[in-house]
PDB file of N, CA and C in Angstrom:
ATOM      1  N   MET A   1    -291.087  31.456 155.593  1.00  0.00           N
ATOM      2  CA  MET A   1    -291.823  32.311 154.728  1.00  0.00           C
ATOM      3  C   MET A   1    -291.868  31.754 153.393  1.00  0.00           C
ATOM      4  N   ALA A   2    -292.922  32.180 152.553  1.00  0.00           N
ATOM      5  CA  ALA A   2    -293.059  31.701 151.278  1.00  0.00           C
ATOM      6  C   ALA A   2    -292.883  32.864 150.289  1.00  0.00           C
ATOM      7  N   TYR A   3    -292.429  32.546 149.105  1.00  0.00           N
ATOM      8  CA  TYR A   3    -292.498  33.555 147.953  1.00  0.00           C
ATOM      9  C   TYR A   3    -293.283  33.104 146.693  1.00  0.00           C
ATOM     10  N   TYR A   4    -293.883  34.095 146.095  1.00  0.00           N
ATOM     11  CA  TYR A   4    -294.708  33.768 144.906  1.00  0.00           C
ATOM     12  C   TYR A   4    -294.472  34.596 143.772  1.00  0.00           C
ATOM     13  N   LEU A   5    -294.366  34.200 142.641  1.00  0.00           N
ATOM     14  CA  LEU A   5    -294.522  34.994 141.462  1.00  0.00           C
ATOM     15  C   LEU A   5    -295.935  35.222 141.218  1.00  0.00           C
ATOM     16  N   VAL A   6    -296.303  36.556 141.225  1.00  0.00           N
ATOM     17  CA  VAL A   6    -297.657  36.871 140.998  1.00  0.00           C
ATOM     18  C   VAL A   6    -297.987  37.330 139.615  1.00  0.00           C
ATOM     19  N   ARG A   7    -299.149  36.986 139.171  1.00  0.00           N
ATOM     20  CA  ARG A   7    -299.485  37.449 137.764  1.00  0.00           C
ATOM     21  C   ARG A   7    -300.786  37.922 137.877  1.00  0.00           C
ATOM     22  N   ALA A   8    -301.075  39.241 137.432  1.00  0.00           N
ATOM     23  CA  ALA A   8    -302.352  39.877 137.634  1.00  0.00           C
ATOM     24  C   ALA A   8    -302.581  40.865 136.468  1.00  0.00           C
ATOM     25  N   LYS A   9    -303.882  41.099 136.182  1.00  0.00           N
ATOM     26  CA  LYS A   9    -304.329  42.093 135.044  1.00  0.00           C
ATOM     27  C   LYS A   9    -304.820  43.350 135.678  1.00  0.00           C
ATOM     28  N   PRO A  10    -304.095  44.370 135.514  1.00  0.00           N
ATOM     29  CA  PRO A  10    -304.336  45.696 136.276  1.00  0.00           C
ATOM     30  C   PRO A  10    -305.653  46.317 135.802  1.00  0.00           C
ATOM     31  N   HIS A  11    -306.405  46.927 136.630  1.00  0.00           N
ATOM     32  CA  HIS A  11    -307.516  47.881 136.330  1.00  0.00           C
ATOM     33  C   HIS A  11    -306.706  49.141 135.870  1.00  0.00           C
ATOM     34  N   THR A  12    -306.400  49.194 134.628  1.00  0.00           N
ATOM     35  CA  THR A  12    -305.438  50.355 134.087  1.00  0.00           C
ATOM     36  C   THR A  12    -305.850  51.815 134.593  1.00  0.00           C
ATOM     37  N   GLU A  13    -307.126  52.069 134.596  1.00  0.00           N
ATOM     38  CA  GLU A  13    -307.700  53.274 134.996  1.00  0.00           C
ATOM     39  C   GLU A  13    -307.380  53.579 136.429  1.00  0.00           C
ATOM     40  N   LEU A  14    -307.106  52.515 137.228  1.00  0.00           N
ATOM     41  CA  LEU A  14    -306.869  52.970 138.694  1.00  0.00           C
ATOM     42  C   LEU A  14    -305.420  52.842 138.884  1.00  0.00           C
ATOM     43  N   LEU A  15    -304.409  52.556 137.967  1.00  0.00           N
ATOM     44  CA  LEU A  15    -302.948  52.675 138.272  1.00  0.00           C
ATOM     45  C   LEU A  15    -302.456  54.024 138.633  1.00  0.00           C
ATOM     46  N   PRO A  16    -303.072  55.112 138.244  1.00  0.00           N
ATOM     47  CA  PRO A  16    -302.487  56.302 138.781  1.00  0.00           C
ATOM     48  C   PRO A  16    -302.940  56.568 140.317  1.00  0.00           C
ATOM     49  N   GLU A  17    -304.037  55.956 140.731  1.00  0.00           N
ATOM     50  CA  GLU A  17    -304.279  56.026 142.241  1.00  0.00           C
ATOM     51  C   GLU A  17    -303.389  55.133 142.907  1.00  0.00           C
ATOM     52  N   LEU A  18    -303.094  53.939 142.412  1.00  0.00           N
ATOM     53  CA  LEU A  18    -302.112  53.030 143.086  1.00  0.00           C
ATOM     54  C   LEU A  18    -300.737  53.715 143.152  1.00  0.00           C
ATOM     55  N   ARG A  19    -300.408  54.285 142.052  1.00  0.00           N
ATOM     56  CA  ARG A  19    -299.007  55.134 142.097  1.00  0.00           C
ATOM     57  C   ARG A  19    -299.103  56.122 143.204  1.00  0.00           C
ATOM     58  N   GLN A  20    -300.104  56.769 143.416  1.00  0.00           N
ATOM     59  CA  GLN A  20    -300.248  57.922 144.311  1.00  0.00           C
ATOM     60  C   GLN A  20    -300.039  57.307 145.850  1.00  0.00           C
ATOM     61  N   ARG A  21    -300.855  56.069 145.944  1.00  0.00           N
ATOM     62  CA  ARG A  21    -300.762  55.522 147.322  1.00  0.00           C
ATOM     63  C   ARG A  21    -299.337  55.098 147.522  1.00  0.00           C
ATOM     64  N   LEU A  22    -298.554  54.609 146.544  1.00  0.00           N
ATOM     65  CA  LEU A  22    -297.152  54.214 146.695  1.00  0.00           C
ATOM     66  C   LEU A  22    -296.348  55.433 147.079  1.00  0.00           C
ATOM     67  N   ASP A  23    -296.645  56.349 146.417  1.00  0.00           N
ATOM     68  CA  ASP A  23    -295.720  57.734 146.565  1.00  0.00           C
ATOM     69  C   ASP A  23    -296.055  58.359 148.046  1.00  0.00           C
ATOM     70  N   ARG A  24    -297.308  58.109 148.506  1.00  0.00           N
ATOM     71  CA  ARG A  24    -297.536  58.672 149.942  1.00  0.00           C
ATOM     72  C   ARG A  24    -297.012  57.766 150.977  1.00  0.00           C
ATOM     73  N   GLY A  25    -296.490  56.520 150.627  1.00  0.00           N
ATOM     74  CA  GLY A  25    -296.056  55.547 151.669  1.00  0.00           C
ATOM     75  C   GLY A  25    -297.303  54.828 152.420  1.00  0.00           C
ATOM     76  N   GLU A  26    -298.519  54.945 151.815  1.00  0.00           N
ATOM     77  CA  GLU A  26    -299.616  54.468 152.357  1.00  0.00           C
ATOM     78  C   GLU A  26    -299.542  52.883 152.553  1.00  0.00           C
ATOM     79  N   ILE A  27    -299.247  52.292 151.467  1.00  0.00           N
ATOM     80  CA  ILE A  27    -299.123  50.884 151.415  1.00  0.00           C
ATOM     81  C   ILE A  27    -298.044  50.250 152.358  1.00  0.00           C
ATOM     82  N   GLU A  28    -297.027  51.054 152.243  1.00  0.00           N
ATOM     83  CA  GLU A  28    -295.756  50.584 152.995  1.00  0.00           C
ATOM     84  C   GLU A  28    -296.070  50.496 154.461  1.00  0.00           C
ATOM     85  N   LYS A  29    -296.961  51.452 154.941  1.00  0.00           N
ATOM     86  CA  LYS A  29    -297.266  51.499 156.466  1.00  0.00           C
ATOM     87  C   LYS A  29    -298.300  50.246 156.830  1.00  0.00           C
ATOM     88  N   MET A  30    -298.919  49.773 155.973  1.00  0.00           N
ATOM     89  CA  MET A  30    -299.684  48.634 156.386  1.00  0.00           C
ATOM     90  C   MET A  30    -299.101  47.420 156.978  1.00  0.00           C
ATOM     91  N   ARG A  31    -299.556  46.928 158.136  1.00  0.00           N
ATOM     92  CA  ARG A  31    -298.931  45.915 158.927  1.00  0.00           C
ATOM     93  C   ARG A  31    -299.706  44.658 158.767  1.00  0.00           C
ATOM     94  N   PRO A  32    -299.220  43.504 158.630  1.00  0.00           N
ATOM     95  CA  PRO A  32    -297.841  43.240 158.687  1.00  0.00           C
ATOM     96  C   PRO A  32    -297.118  43.044 157.307  1.00  0.00           C
ATOM     97  N   PHE A  33    -297.761  43.360 156.325  1.00  0.00           N
ATOM     98  CA  PHE A  33    -297.269  43.077 154.868  1.00  0.00           C
ATOM     99  C   PHE A  33    -296.804  44.324 154.069  1.00  0.00           C
ATOM    100  N   GLY A  34    -297.077  45.473 154.584  1.00  0.00           N
ATOM    101  CA  GLY A  34    -296.968  46.601 153.767  1.00  0.00           C
ATOM    102  C   GLY A  34    -295.598  46.883 153.163  1.00  0.00           C
ATOM    103  N   GLY A  35    -294.460  46.553 153.871  1.00  0.00           N
ATOM    104  CA  GLY A  35    -293.176  46.824 153.369  1.00  0.00           C
ATOM    105  C   GLY A  35    -292.945  45.863 152.085  1.00  0.00           C
ATOM    106  N   ALA A  36    -293.199  44.692 152.264  1.00  0.00           N
ATOM    107  CA  ALA A  36    -292.955  43.722 151.225  1.00  0.00           C
ATOM    108  C   ALA A  36    -293.781  44.129 150.004  1.00  0.00           C
ATOM    109  N   LEU A  37    -295.123  44.327 150.230  1.00  0.00           N
ATOM    110  CA  LEU A  37    -296.076  44.664 149.129  1.00  0.00           C
ATOM    111  C   LEU A  37    -295.611  45.927 148.425  1.00  0.00           C
ATOM    112  N   HIS A  38    -295.366  47.067 149.179  1.00  0.00           N
ATOM    113  CA  HIS A  38    -294.785  48.183 148.669  1.00  0.00           C
ATOM    114  C   HIS A  38    -293.628  47.993 147.652  1.00  0.00           C
ATOM    115  N   GLU A  39    -292.696  47.144 148.165  1.00  0.00           N
ATOM    116  CA  GLU A  39    -291.400  46.930 147.311  1.00  0.00           C
ATOM    117  C   GLU A  39    -291.724  46.168 146.153  1.00  0.00           C
ATOM    118  N   SER A  40    -292.565  45.190 146.171  1.00  0.00           N
ATOM    119  CA  SER A  40    -293.015  44.427 145.084  1.00  0.00           C
ATOM    120  C   SER A  40    -293.749  45.273 143.895  1.00  0.00           C
ATOM    121  N   LEU A  41    -294.733  46.057 144.435  1.00  0.00           N
ATOM    122  CA  LEU A  41    -295.291  46.870 143.439  1.00  0.00           C
ATOM    123  C   LEU A  41    -294.570  47.835 142.821  1.00  0.00           C
ATOM    124  N   GLU A  42    -293.505  48.537 143.620  1.00  0.00           N
ATOM    125  CA  GLU A  42    -292.668  49.429 143.039  1.00  0.00           C
ATOM    126  C   GLU A  42    -291.681  48.868 141.838  1.00  0.00           C
ATOM    127  N   ASN A  43    -291.553  47.487 141.941  1.00  0.00           N
ATOM    128  CA  ASN A  43    -290.750  46.781 141.103  1.00  0.00           C
ATOM    129  C   ASN A  43    -291.434  45.816 140.062  1.00  0.00           C
ATOM    130  N   ALA A  44    -292.784  45.997 140.039  1.00  0.00           N
ATOM    131  CA  ALA A  44    -293.633  45.276 139.177  1.00  0.00           C
ATOM    132  C   ALA A  44    -293.214  45.447 137.697  1.00  0.00           C
ATOM    133  N   ARG A  45    -293.328  44.410 136.826  1.00  0.00           N
ATOM    134  CA  ARG A  45    -293.068  44.393 135.406  1.00  0.00           C
ATOM    135  C   ARG A  45    -294.215  44.336 134.637  1.00  0.00           C
ATOM    136  N   LEU A  46    -294.149  44.639 133.438  1.00  0.00           N
ATOM    137  CA  LEU A  46    -295.131  44.498 132.332  1.00  0.00           C
ATOM    138  C   LEU A  46    -294.835  43.301 131.601  1.00  0.00           C
ATOM    139  N   ALA A  47    -295.723  42.442 131.522  1.00  0.00           N
ATOM    140  CA  ALA A  47    -295.644  41.112 130.822  1.00  0.00           C
ATOM    141  C   ALA A  47    -296.579  41.387 129.441  1.00  0.00           C
ATOM    142  N   GLU A  48    -296.719  40.229 128.802  1.00  0.00           N
ATOM    143  CA  GLU A  48    -297.507  40.172 127.508  1.00  0.00           C
ATOM    144  C   GLU A  48    -299.040  40.426 127.793  1.00  0.00           C
ATOM    145  N   GLU A  49    -299.603  41.066 126.861  1.00  0.00           N
ATOM    146  CA  GLU A  49    -301.009  41.336 126.733  1.00  0.00           C
ATOM    147  C   GLU A  49    -301.613  41.869 127.923  1.00  0.00           C
ATOM    148  N   GLY A  50    -300.865  42.890 128.525  1.00  0.00           N
ATOM    149  CA  GLY A  50    -301.421  43.634 129.482  1.00  0.00           C
ATOM    150  C   GLY A  50    -301.291  43.094 130.926  1.00  0.00           C
ATOM    151  N   TRP A  51    -300.611  42.065 131.166  1.00  0.00           N
ATOM    152  CA  TRP A  51    -300.457  41.468 132.524  1.00  0.00           C
ATOM    153  C   TRP A  51    -299.317  42.166 133.293  1.00  0.00           C
ATOM    154  N   MET A  52    -299.388  42.060 134.472  1.00  0.00           N
ATOM    155  CA  MET A  52    -298.271  42.571 135.362  1.00  0.00           C
ATOM    156  C   MET A  52    -297.855  41.357 136.165  1.00  0.00           C
ATOM    157  N   VAL A  53    -296.495  41.364 136.469  1.00  0.00           N
ATOM    158  CA  VAL A  53    -295.958  40.295 137.372  1.00  0.00           C
ATOM    159  C   VAL A  53    -294.939  40.849 138.295  1.00  0.00           C
ATOM    160  N   TRP A  54    -294.862  40.280 139.408  1.00  0.00           N
ATOM    161  CA  TRP A  54    -293.825  40.581 140.449  1.00  0.00           C
ATOM    162  C   TRP A  54    -293.670  39.430 141.394  1.00  0.00           C
ATOM    163  N   GLU A  55    -292.620  39.472 142.253  1.00  0.00           N
ATOM    164  CA  GLU A  55    -292.429  38.477 143.278  1.00  0.00           C
ATOM    165  C   GLU A  55    -292.914  39.037 144.545  1.00  0.00           C
ATOM    166  N   GLU A  56    -293.518  38.268 145.284  1.00  0.00           N
ATOM    167  CA  GLU A  56    -293.982  38.614 146.643  1.00  0.00           C
ATOM    168  C   GLU A  56    -293.957  37.677 147.680  1.00  0.00           C
ATOM    169  N   GLU A  57    -293.301  38.272 148.919  1.00  0.00           N
ATOM    170  CA  GLU A  57    -293.186  37.466 150.000  1.00  0.00           C
ATOM    171  C   GLU A  57    -294.333  37.498 150.868  1.00  0.00           C
ATOM    172  N   ASP A  58    -294.812  36.220 151.295  1.00  0.00           N
ATOM    173  CA  ASP A  58    -296.082  36.178 151.895  1.00  0.00           C
ATOM    174  C   ASP A  58    -296.147  35.057 153.032  1.00  0.00           C
ATOM    175  N   TYR A  59    -296.976  35.161 154.070  1.00  0.00           N
ATOM    176  CA  TYR A  59    -297.089  34.279 155.125  1.00  0.00           C
ATOM    177  C   TYR A  59    -298.500  33.624 155.192  1.00  0.00           C
ATOM    178  N   CYS A  60    -299.482  34.264 154.414  1.00  0.00           N
ATOM    179  CA  CYS A  60    -300.812  33.843 154.553  1.00  0.00           C
ATOM    180  C   CYS A  60    -301.223  32.586 153.820  1.00  0.00           C
ATOM    181  N   ARG A  61    -302.394  31.945 154.235  1.00  0.00           N
ATOM    182  CA  ARG A  61    -303.035  30.891 153.725  1.00  0.00           C
ATOM    183  C   ARG A  61    -304.480  31.219 153.566  1.00  0.00           C
ATOM    184  N   PRO A  62    -305.135  31.432 152.465  1.00  0.00           N
ATOM    185  CA  PRO A  62    -304.402  31.069 151.163  1.00  0.00           C
ATOM    186  C   PRO A  62    -303.435  32.344 151.005  1.00  0.00           C
ATOM    187  N   PRO A  63    -302.463  32.134 149.878  1.00  0.00           N
ATOM    188  CA  PRO A  63    -301.478  33.143 149.694  1.00  0.00           C
ATOM    189  C   PRO A  63    -302.071  34.552 149.302  1.00  0.00           C
ATOM    190  N   LEU A  64    -301.517  35.533 149.824  1.00  0.00           N
ATOM    191  CA  LEU A  64    -301.801  37.007 149.653  1.00  0.00           C
ATOM    192  C   LEU A  64    -303.249  37.371 150.236  1.00  0.00           C
ATOM    193  N   ALA A  65    -303.693  36.599 150.978  1.00  0.00           N
ATOM    194  CA  ALA A  65    -305.075  36.936 151.488  1.00  0.00           C
ATOM    195  C   ALA A  65    -305.205  38.321 152.180  1.00  0.00           C
ATOM    196  N   GLN A  66    -304.403  38.791 152.979  1.00  0.00           N
ATOM    197  CA  GLN A  66    -304.402  40.142 153.691  1.00  0.00           C
ATOM    198  C   GLN A  66    -304.130  41.174 152.544  1.00  0.00           C
ATOM    199  N   GLU A  67    -303.191  40.928 151.651  1.00  0.00           N
ATOM    200  CA  GLU A  67    -302.885  41.805 150.615  1.00  0.00           C
ATOM    201  C   GLU A  67    -303.893  42.077 149.669  1.00  0.00           C
ATOM    202  N   ARG A  68    -304.645  40.951 149.370  1.00  0.00           N
ATOM    203  CA  ARG A  68    -305.825  41.036 148.425  1.00  0.00           C
ATOM    204  C   ARG A  68    -306.908  41.873 149.021  1.00  0.00           C
ATOM    205  N   ALA A  69    -307.175  41.654 150.159  1.00  0.00           N
ATOM    206  CA  ALA A  69    -308.294  42.334 150.909  1.00  0.00           C
ATOM    207  C   ALA A  69    -307.957  43.805 151.068  1.00  0.00           C
ATOM    208  N   ALA A  70    -306.747  44.150 151.379  1.00  0.00           N
ATOM    209  CA  ALA A  70    -306.420  45.475 151.624  1.00  0.00           C
ATOM    210  C   ALA A  70    -306.040  46.348 150.424  1.00  0.00           C
ATOM    211  N   VAL A  71    -305.513  45.657 149.275  1.00  0.00           N
ATOM    212  CA  VAL A  71    -305.008  46.592 148.226  1.00  0.00           C
ATOM    213  C   VAL A  71    -305.205  45.790 146.984  1.00  0.00           C
ATOM    214  N   LEU A  72    -304.814  44.654 146.761  1.00  0.00           N
ATOM    215  CA  LEU A  72    -304.575  44.055 145.400  1.00  0.00           C
ATOM    216  C   LEU A  72    -305.893  43.912 144.699  1.00  0.00           C
ATOM    217  N   ASP A  73    -307.064  43.414 145.256  1.00  0.00           N
ATOM    218  CA  ASP A  73    -308.288  43.124 144.580  1.00  0.00           C
ATOM    219  C   ASP A  73    -308.943  44.497 144.063  1.00  0.00           C
ATOM    220  N   ALA A  74    -308.480  45.600 144.684  1.00  0.00           N
ATOM    221  CA  ALA A  74    -308.951  46.894 143.999  1.00  0.00           C
ATOM    222  C   ALA A  74    -308.358  47.294 142.871  1.00  0.00           C
ATOM    223  N   TYR A  75    -307.191  46.964 142.641  1.00  0.00           N
ATOM    224  CA  TYR A  75    -306.371  47.311 141.393  1.00  0.00           C
ATOM    225  C   TYR A  75    -306.069  46.268 140.397  1.00  0.00           C
ATOM    226  N   PHE A  76    -306.480  45.058 140.767  1.00  0.00           N
ATOM    227  CA  PHE A  76    -305.904  43.830 139.870  1.00  0.00           C
ATOM    228  C   PHE A  76    -307.223  42.805 139.730  1.00  0.00           C
ATOM    229  N   ALA A  77    -307.233  42.166 138.600  1.00  0.00           N
ATOM    230  CA  ALA A  77    -308.163  41.116 138.379  1.00  0.00           C
ATOM    231  C   ALA A  77    -307.363  39.761 138.087  1.00  0.00           C
ATOM    232  N   ASP A  78    -308.030  38.746 138.062  1.00  0.00           N
ATOM    233  CA  ASP A  78    -307.416  37.441 137.615  1.00  0.00           C
ATOM    234  C   ASP A  78    -306.021  37.226 138.205  1.00  0.00           C
ATOM    235  N   LEU A  79    -305.951  37.456 139.505  1.00  0.00           N
ATOM    236  CA  LEU A  79    -304.600  37.306 140.294  1.00  0.00           C
ATOM    237  C   LEU A  79    -304.315  35.818 140.436  1.00  0.00           C
ATOM    238  N   SER A  80    -303.102  35.414 139.967  1.00  0.00           N
ATOM    239  CA  SER A  80    -302.564  34.026 140.346  1.00  0.00           C
ATOM    240  C   SER A  80    -301.349  34.064 140.903  1.00  0.00           C
ATOM    241  N   VAL A  81    -300.918  33.045 141.649  1.00  0.00           N
ATOM    242  CA  VAL A  81    -299.689  33.014 142.305  1.00  0.00           C
ATOM    243  C   VAL A  81    -298.958  31.621 141.909  1.00  0.00           C
ATOM    244  N   GLU A  82    -297.740  31.599 141.924  1.00  0.00           N
ATOM    245  CA  GLU A  82    -296.860  30.443 141.741  1.00  0.00           C
ATOM    246  C   GLU A  82    -295.842  30.382 142.682  1.00  0.00           C
ATOM    247  N   ALA A  83    -295.667  29.307 143.449  1.00  0.00           N
ATOM    248  CA  ALA A  83    -294.679  29.153 144.599  1.00  0.00           C
ATOM    249  C   ALA A  83    -293.352  29.246 143.878  1.00  0.00           C
ATOM    250  N   VAL A  84    -292.313  29.954 144.463  1.00  0.00           N
ATOM    251  CA  VAL A  84    -290.979  30.116 143.839  1.00  0.00           C
ATOM    252  C   VAL A  84    -290.060  30.218 145.193  1.00  0.00           C
ATOM    253  N   ARG A  85    -288.812  30.072 144.837  1.00  0.00           N
ATOM    254  CA  ARG A  85    -287.698  30.274 145.851  1.00  0.00           C
ATOM    255  C   ARG A  85    -287.435  31.739 145.853  1.00  0.00           C
ATOM    256  N   GLU A  86    -287.014  32.257 146.967  1.00  0.00           N
ATOM    257  CA  GLU A  86    -286.735  33.710 147.151  1.00  0.00           C
ATOM    258  C   GLU A  86    -285.793  34.143 146.038  1.00  0.00           C
ATOM    259  N   GLY A  87    -286.126  35.108 145.270  1.00  0.00           N
ATOM    260  CA  GLY A  87    -285.294  35.631 144.163  1.00  0.00           C
ATOM    261  C   GLY A  87    -285.671  35.079 142.837  1.00  0.00           C
ATOM    262  N   GLU A  88    -286.204  33.855 142.794  1.00  0.00           N
ATOM    263  CA  GLU A  88    -286.389  33.135 141.515  1.00  0.00           C
ATOM    264  C   GLU A  88    -287.429  33.964 140.671  1.00  0.00           C
ATOM    265  N   GLY A  89    -288.576  34.410 141.246  1.00  0.00           N
ATOM    266  CA  GLY A  89    -289.445  35.104 140.466  1.00  0.00           C
ATOM    267  C   GLY A  89    -288.943  36.412 139.857  1.00  0.00           C
ATOM    268  N   TRP A  90    -288.100  37.138 140.571  1.00  0.00           N
ATOM    269  CA  TRP A  90    -287.410  38.334 140.095  1.00  0.00           C
ATOM    270  C   TRP A  90    -286.510  37.995 138.950  1.00  0.00           C
ATOM    271  N   SER A  91    -285.664  36.916 139.145  1.00  0.00           N
ATOM    272  CA  SER A  91    -284.827  36.524 138.062  1.00  0.00           C
ATOM    273  C   SER A  91    -285.443  36.089 136.840  1.00  0.00           C
ATOM    274  N   ARG A  92    -286.688  35.492 137.008  1.00  0.00           N
ATOM    275  CA  ARG A  92    -287.452  35.026 135.779  1.00  0.00           C
ATOM    276  C   ARG A  92    -288.057  36.196 135.091  1.00  0.00           C
ATOM    277  N   ILE A  93    -288.297  37.340 135.667  1.00  0.00           N
ATOM    278  CA  ILE A  93    -288.999  38.481 134.996  1.00  0.00           C
ATOM    279  C   ILE A  93    -288.040  39.650 134.820  1.00  0.00           C
ATOM    280  N   GLN A  94    -286.807  39.666 135.210  1.00  0.00           N
ATOM    281  CA  GLN A  94    -285.846  40.674 135.164  1.00  0.00           C
ATOM    282  C   GLN A  94    -285.837  41.359 133.795  1.00  0.00           C
ATOM    283  N   HIS A  95    -286.049  40.580 132.716  1.00  0.00           N
ATOM    284  CA  HIS A  95    -285.863  41.029 131.308  1.00  0.00           C
ATOM    285  C   HIS A  95    -287.094  41.993 130.987  1.00  0.00           C
ATOM    286  N   LEU A  96    -288.185  41.879 131.700  1.00  0.00           N
ATOM    287  CA  LEU A  96    -289.280  42.686 131.290  1.00  0.00           C
ATOM    288  C   LEU A  96    -289.139  44.142 131.873  1.00  0.00           C
ATOM    289  N   ARG A  97    -289.974  44.970 131.062  1.00  0.00           N
ATOM    290  CA  ARG A  97    -289.995  46.344 131.303  1.00  0.00           C
ATOM    291  C   ARG A  97    -290.688  46.660 132.628  1.00  0.00           C
ATOM    292  N   ARG A  98    -290.105  47.485 133.461  1.00  0.00           N
ATOM    293  CA  ARG A  98    -290.813  47.897 134.717  1.00  0.00           C
ATOM    294  C   ARG A  98    -292.010  48.829 134.379  1.00  0.00           C
ATOM    295  N   LEU A  99    -293.049  48.459 135.296  1.00  0.00           N
ATOM    296  CA  LEU A  99    -294.240  49.541 135.219  1.00  0.00           C
ATOM    297  C   LEU A  99    -293.752  50.903 135.504  1.00  0.00           C
ATOM    298  N   TRP A 100    -293.028  51.083 136.582  1.00  0.00           N
ATOM    299  CA  TRP A 100    -292.550  52.476 136.848  1.00  0.00           C
ATOM    300  C   TRP A 100    -291.086  52.557 136.954  1.00  0.00           C
ATOM    301  N   GLU A 101    -290.457  53.441 136.436  1.00  0.00           N
ATOM    302  CA  GLU A 101    -288.983  53.367 136.576  1.00  0.00           C
ATOM    303  C   GLU A 101    -288.642  53.850 138.090  1.00  0.00           C
ATOM    304  N   PRO A 102    -287.347  53.395 138.338  1.00  0.00           N
ATOM    305  CA  PRO A 102    -286.953  53.552 139.809  1.00  0.00           C
ATOM    306  C   PRO A 102    -286.996  55.139 140.094  1.00  0.00           C
ATOM    307  N   GLY A 103    -287.350  55.561 141.058  1.00  0.00           N
ATOM    308  CA  GLY A 103    -287.339  56.928 141.557  1.00  0.00           C
ATOM    309  C   GLY A 103    -288.354  57.889 140.877  1.00  0.00           C
ATOM    310  N   GLU A 104    -289.213  57.253 140.072  1.00  0.00           N
ATOM    311  CA  GLU A 104    -290.274  57.996 139.496  1.00  0.00           C
ATOM    312  C   GLU A 104    -291.453  58.163 140.587  1.00  0.00           C
ATOM    313  N   GLN A 105    -291.827  59.371 140.836  1.00  0.00           N
ATOM    314  CA  GLN A 105    -292.658  59.591 141.952  1.00  0.00           C
ATOM    315  C   GLN A 105    -294.046  60.174 141.455  1.00  0.00           C
ATOM    316  N   ASN A 106    -294.551  59.828 140.302  1.00  0.00           N
ATOM    317  CA  ASN A 106    -295.777  60.170 139.851  1.00  0.00           C
ATOM    318  C   ASN A 106    -296.187  59.216 138.859  1.00  0.00           C
ATOM    319  N   SER A 107    -297.325  59.595 138.198  1.00  0.00           N
ATOM    320  CA  SER A 107    -298.095  58.528 137.478  1.00  0.00           C
ATOM    321  C   SER A 107    -297.866  58.848 135.967  1.00  0.00           C
ATOM    322  N   ARG A 108    -297.033  59.826 135.528  1.00  0.00           N
ATOM    323  CA  ARG A 108    -296.988  60.147 134.010  1.00  0.00           C
ATOM    324  C   ARG A 108    -296.633  59.069 133.154  1.00  0.00           C
ATOM    325  N   SER A 109    -295.869  58.039 133.589  1.00  0.00           N
ATOM    326  CA  SER A 109    -295.399  57.052 132.680  1.00  0.00           C
ATOM    327  C   SER A 109    -296.607  56.081 132.456  1.00  0.00           C
ATOM    328  N   ILE A 110    -297.538  55.972 133.327  1.00  0.00           N
ATOM    329  CA  ILE A 110    -298.558  54.994 133.078  1.00  0.00           C
ATOM    330  C   ILE A 110    -299.175  55.161 131.861  1.00  0.00           C
ATOM    331  N   SER A 111    -299.528  56.479 131.401  1.00  0.00           N
ATOM    332  CA  SER A 111    -300.185  56.636 130.191  1.00  0.00           C
ATOM    333  C   SER A 111    -299.411  56.211 128.948  1.00  0.00           C
ATOM    334  N   GLN A 112    -298.037  56.122 129.098  1.00  0.00           N
ATOM    335  CA  GLN A 112    -297.230  55.731 128.013  1.00  0.00           C
ATOM    336  C   GLN A 112    -297.156  54.148 127.658  1.00  0.00           C
ATOM    337  N   HIS A 113    -297.740  53.399 128.733  1.00  0.00           N
ATOM    338  CA  HIS A 113    -297.658  51.953 128.593  1.00  0.00           C
ATOM    339  C   HIS A 113    -298.938  51.603 127.844  1.00  0.00           C
ATOM    340  N   ARG A 114    -298.647  50.566 127.052  1.00  0.00           N
ATOM    341  CA  ARG A 114    -299.929  50.069 126.266  1.00  0.00           C
ATOM    342  C   ARG A 114    -300.366  48.698 127.003  1.00  0.00           C
ATOM    343  N   PHE A 115    -301.600  48.719 127.526  1.00  0.00           N
ATOM    344  CA  PHE A 115    -302.068  47.388 128.303  1.00  0.00           C
ATOM    345  C   PHE A 115    -302.839  46.698 127.270  1.00  0.00           C
TER     346      PHE A 115
END
């Protein structure tokens, strides 16, 4: 399996919808990638100038092909990936603020972020 540090520019107006899909477990149920994608998006971080970053486990060639077609391309632009070892991506971005706080089950915090 491969791991990637993903960097993408969110369509900010659609983040409340993404949050709702995460809350409903809709993304987590997608096979074969849903569990990993759900976990990654739940823990996504805010980077400089409105970018979001996260580590993603993936088996596709090209990377994230299924995830992009099913979810990512609807909510993000300018998506790029960098191959990393498992956990390396998370350790590189752990200092960044989370997009959603753990356990937060709604979109109220999205409006508080400056993108």
